[in-house]
Amino acid sequence: MTIMTCADVTATRAACTNQCVVDPALRAHHERLLTVEHDADELVELMELAVTWGELEYADEPLFGPDDWAGFAASHVWVDPERAARIFSLAADIAACGRPSARPVSPAG
């Protein structure tokens, strides 16, 4: 995965590349995700979404899910691509920890 660097270091949101194709229903969430690199509130919102992804039902909400976050990061130009990759990778890892295990856990003893 290659994440590109934005030349304008004063940018406060990422820019789309030709690879970015957004379903109109996801446009609002897309715009919010573009700001996570520089907007602490949106970063916290993404982390809260990641933490609750396995617990709450989001099927009816127009959101990019954890399986889309790495691709989202890769299809945009960031001021600091390593930081953006870390943000979305961490969020996806957090969401994965909240998913139900495929194997039942046996009780101790």
C-alpha atoms as a PDB file:
ATOM      1  CA  MET A   1       0.000   0.000   0.000  1.00  0.00           C
ATOM      2  CA  THR A   2       1.397   3.394  -1.008  1.00  0.00           C
ATOM      3  CA  ILE A   3       0.135   6.486   0.778  1.00  0.00           C
ATOM      4  CA  MET A   4       1.029   9.766  -0.911  1.00  0.00           C
ATOM      5  CA  THR A   5       2.279  12.966   0.713  1.00  0.00           C
ATOM      6  CA  CYS A   6       0.480  16.279   0.338  1.00  0.00           C
ATOM      7  CA  ALA A   7       2.856  19.063  -0.769  1.00  0.00           C
ATOM      8  CA  ASP A   8       0.935  21.727   1.185  1.00  0.00           C
ATOM      9  CA  VAL A   9       2.094  21.199   4.784  1.00  0.00           C
ATOM     10  CA  THR A  10      -0.448  23.763   5.994  1.00  0.00           C
ATOM     11  CA  ALA A  11      -3.313  21.590   4.775  1.00  0.00           C
ATOM     12  CA  THR A  12      -5.841  20.600   7.412  1.00  0.00           C
ATOM     13  CA  ARG A  13      -7.448  17.793   5.440  1.00  0.00           C
ATOM     14  CA  ALA A  14      -6.344  15.172   2.984  1.00  0.00           C
ATOM     15  CA  ALA A  15      -7.016  15.354  -0.725  1.00  0.00           C
ATOM     16  CA  CYS A  16      -8.586  12.711  -2.937  1.00  0.00           C
ATOM     17  CA  THR A  17      -6.670  10.859  -5.638  1.00  0.00           C
ATOM     18  CA  ASN A  18      -8.057   9.352  -8.832  1.00  0.00           C
ATOM     19  CA  GLN A  19      -8.558   6.125  -6.860  1.00  0.00           C
ATOM     20  CA  CYS A  20     -11.090   7.773  -4.567  1.00  0.00           C
ATOM     21  CA  VAL A  21     -14.630   6.952  -5.620  1.00  0.00           C
ATOM     22  CA  VAL A  22     -17.251   7.760  -3.002  1.00  0.00           C
ATOM     23  CA  ASP A  23     -20.807   6.522  -2.810  1.00  0.00           C
ATOM     24  CA  PRO A  24     -22.926   9.666  -2.343  1.00  0.00           C
ATOM     25  CA  ALA A  25     -24.418   8.135   0.811  1.00  0.00           C
ATOM     26  CA  LEU A  26     -20.925   8.000   2.333  1.00  0.00           C
ATOM     27  CA  ARG A  27     -19.914  11.550   1.349  1.00  0.00           C
ATOM     28  CA  ALA A  28     -20.411  13.081   4.838  1.00  0.00           C
ATOM     29  CA  HIS A  29     -18.338  10.373   6.545  1.00  0.00           C
ATOM     30  CA  HIS A  30     -15.736  10.647   3.779  1.00  0.00           C
ATOM     31  CA  GLU A  31     -15.356  14.375   4.418  1.00  0.00           C
ATOM     32  CA  ARG A  32     -14.971  13.789   8.161  1.00  0.00           C
ATOM     33  CA  LEU A  33     -12.344  11.068   7.671  1.00  0.00           C
ATOM     34  CA  LEU A  34     -10.310  13.444   5.508  1.00  0.00           C
ATOM     35  CA  THR A  35      -9.734  15.608   8.592  1.00  0.00           C
ATOM     36  CA  VAL A  36      -8.574  12.990  11.138  1.00  0.00           C
ATOM     37  CA  GLU A  37      -4.931  13.862  10.585  1.00  0.00           C
ATOM     38  CA  HIS A  38      -5.402  17.396  11.963  1.00  0.00           C
ATOM     39  CA  ASP A  39      -8.727  17.425  13.818  1.00  0.00           C
ATOM     40  CA  ALA A  40      -8.482  15.844  17.255  1.00  0.00           C
ATOM     41  CA  ASP A  41     -12.274  15.636  17.614  1.00  0.00           C
ATOM     42  CA  GLU A  42     -12.598  13.657  14.374  1.00  0.00           C
ATOM     43  CA  LEU A  43      -9.693  11.438  15.392  1.00  0.00           C
ATOM     44  CA  VAL A  44     -11.462  10.684  18.673  1.00  0.00           C
ATOM     45  CA  GLU A  45     -14.717  10.007  16.763  1.00  0.00           C
ATOM     46  CA  LEU A  46     -12.889   7.494  14.556  1.00  0.00           C
ATOM     47  CA  MET A  47     -11.389   5.766  17.599  1.00  0.00           C
ATOM     48  CA  GLU A  48     -14.800   5.660  19.310  1.00  0.00           C
ATOM     49  CA  LEU A  49     -16.271   4.142  16.164  1.00  0.00           C
ATOM     50  CA  ALA A  50     -13.483   1.559  16.130  1.00  0.00           C
ATOM     51  CA  VAL A  51     -13.985   0.671  19.800  1.00  0.00           C
ATOM     52  CA  THR A  52     -17.745   0.225  19.425  1.00  0.00           C
ATOM     53  CA  TRP A  53     -17.780  -1.367  15.948  1.00  0.00           C
ATOM     54  CA  GLY A  54     -18.164  -4.914  17.277  1.00  0.00           C
ATOM     55  CA  GLU A  55     -20.693  -3.924  19.965  1.00  0.00           C
ATOM     56  CA  LEU A  56     -23.135  -1.641  18.174  1.00  0.00           C
ATOM     57  CA  GLU A  57     -25.166  -2.048  15.006  1.00  0.00           C
ATOM     58  CA  TYR A  58     -23.980   0.356  12.314  1.00  0.00           C
ATOM     59  CA  ALA A  59     -25.498  -1.410   9.285  1.00  0.00           C
ATOM     60  CA  ASP A  60     -28.076   1.325   8.683  1.00  0.00           C
ATOM     61  CA  GLU A  61     -25.612   4.210   9.052  1.00  0.00           C
ATOM     62  CA  PRO A  62     -23.660   5.522   6.042  1.00  0.00           C
ATOM     63  CA  LEU A  63     -20.148   4.849   7.332  1.00  0.00           C
ATOM     64  CA  PHE A  64     -16.890   3.489   6.011  1.00  0.00           C
ATOM     65  CA  GLY A  65     -16.235   0.382   8.082  1.00  0.00           C
ATOM     66  CA  PRO A  66     -12.959  -0.960   9.441  1.00  0.00           C
ATOM     67  CA  ASP A  67     -12.414  -3.152   6.382  1.00  0.00           C
ATOM     68  CA  ASP A  68     -12.383   0.026   4.255  1.00  0.00           C
ATOM     69  CA  TRP A  69     -10.081   2.192   6.390  1.00  0.00           C
ATOM     70  CA  ALA A  70      -6.715   1.050   4.958  1.00  0.00           C
ATOM     71  CA  GLY A  71      -8.005   1.509   1.412  1.00  0.00           C
ATOM     72  CA  PHE A  72      -9.407   4.909   2.362  1.00  0.00           C
ATOM     73  CA  ALA A  73      -5.998   5.989   3.635  1.00  0.00           C
ATOM     74  CA  ALA A  74      -4.292   4.694   0.499  1.00  0.00           C
ATOM     75  CA  SER A  75      -6.647   6.532  -1.873  1.00  0.00           C
ATOM     76  CA  HIS A  76      -5.922   9.977  -0.425  1.00  0.00           C
ATOM     77  CA  VAL A  77      -2.978  12.365  -0.228  1.00  0.00           C
ATOM     78  CA  TRP A  78      -1.913  13.205   3.343  1.00  0.00           C
ATOM     79  CA  VAL A  79       0.398  15.803   4.868  1.00  0.00           C
ATOM     80  CA  ASP A  80       2.083  12.993   6.829  1.00  0.00           C
ATOM     81  CA  PRO A  81       1.304   9.672   5.134  1.00  0.00           C
ATOM     82  CA  GLU A  82       2.966   7.613   7.874  1.00  0.00           C
ATOM     83  CA  ARG A  83       0.786   9.247  10.522  1.00  0.00           C
ATOM     84  CA  ALA A  84      -2.342   8.688   8.416  1.00  0.00           C
ATOM     85  CA  ALA A  85      -1.421   5.035   7.920  1.00  0.00           C
ATOM     86  CA  ARG A  86      -0.896   4.651  11.680  1.00  0.00           C
ATOM     87  CA  ILE A  87      -4.242   6.306  12.467  1.00  0.00           C
ATOM     88  CA  PHE A  88      -6.288   4.102  10.159  1.00  0.00           C
ATOM     89  CA  SER A  89      -4.295   0.959  10.934  1.00  0.00           C
ATOM     90  CA  LEU A  90      -4.718   1.489  14.671  1.00  0.00           C
ATOM     91  CA  ALA A  91      -8.443   2.126  14.259  1.00  0.00           C
ATOM     92  CA  ALA A  92      -8.835  -1.055  12.180  1.00  0.00           C
ATOM     93  CA  ASP A  93      -6.852  -3.067  14.755  1.00  0.00           C
ATOM     94  CA  ILE A  94      -9.027  -1.731  17.571  1.00  0.00           C
ATOM     95  CA  ALA A  95     -12.189  -2.661  15.661  1.00  0.00           C
ATOM     96  CA  ALA A  96     -10.812  -6.147  14.974  1.00  0.00           C
ATOM     97  CA  CYS A  97     -10.259  -6.688  18.702  1.00  0.00           C
ATOM     98  CA  GLY A  98     -13.950  -6.037  19.299  1.00  0.00           C
ATOM     99  CA  ARG A  99     -15.175  -8.593  16.779  1.00  0.00           C
ATOM    100  CA  PRO A 100     -16.565 -11.824  18.156  1.00  0.00           C
ATOM    101  CA  SER A 101     -14.063 -14.647  18.070  1.00  0.00           C
ATOM    102  CA  ALA A 102     -14.597 -17.364  15.478  1.00  0.00           C
ATOM    103  CA  ARG A 103     -13.829 -20.001  18.119  1.00  0.00           C
ATOM    104  CA  PRO A 104     -15.696 -20.233  21.382  1.00  0.00           C
ATOM    105  CA  VAL A 105     -13.558 -19.658  24.436  1.00  0.00           C
ATOM    106  CA  SER A 106     -13.576 -22.637  26.756  1.00  0.00           C
ATOM    107  CA  PRO A 107     -14.165 -21.909  30.439  1.00  0.00           C
ATOM    108  CA  ALA A 108     -11.147 -22.221  32.704  1.00  0.00           C
ATOM    109  CA  GLY A 109     -10.899 -25.179  35.006  1.00  0.00           C
END
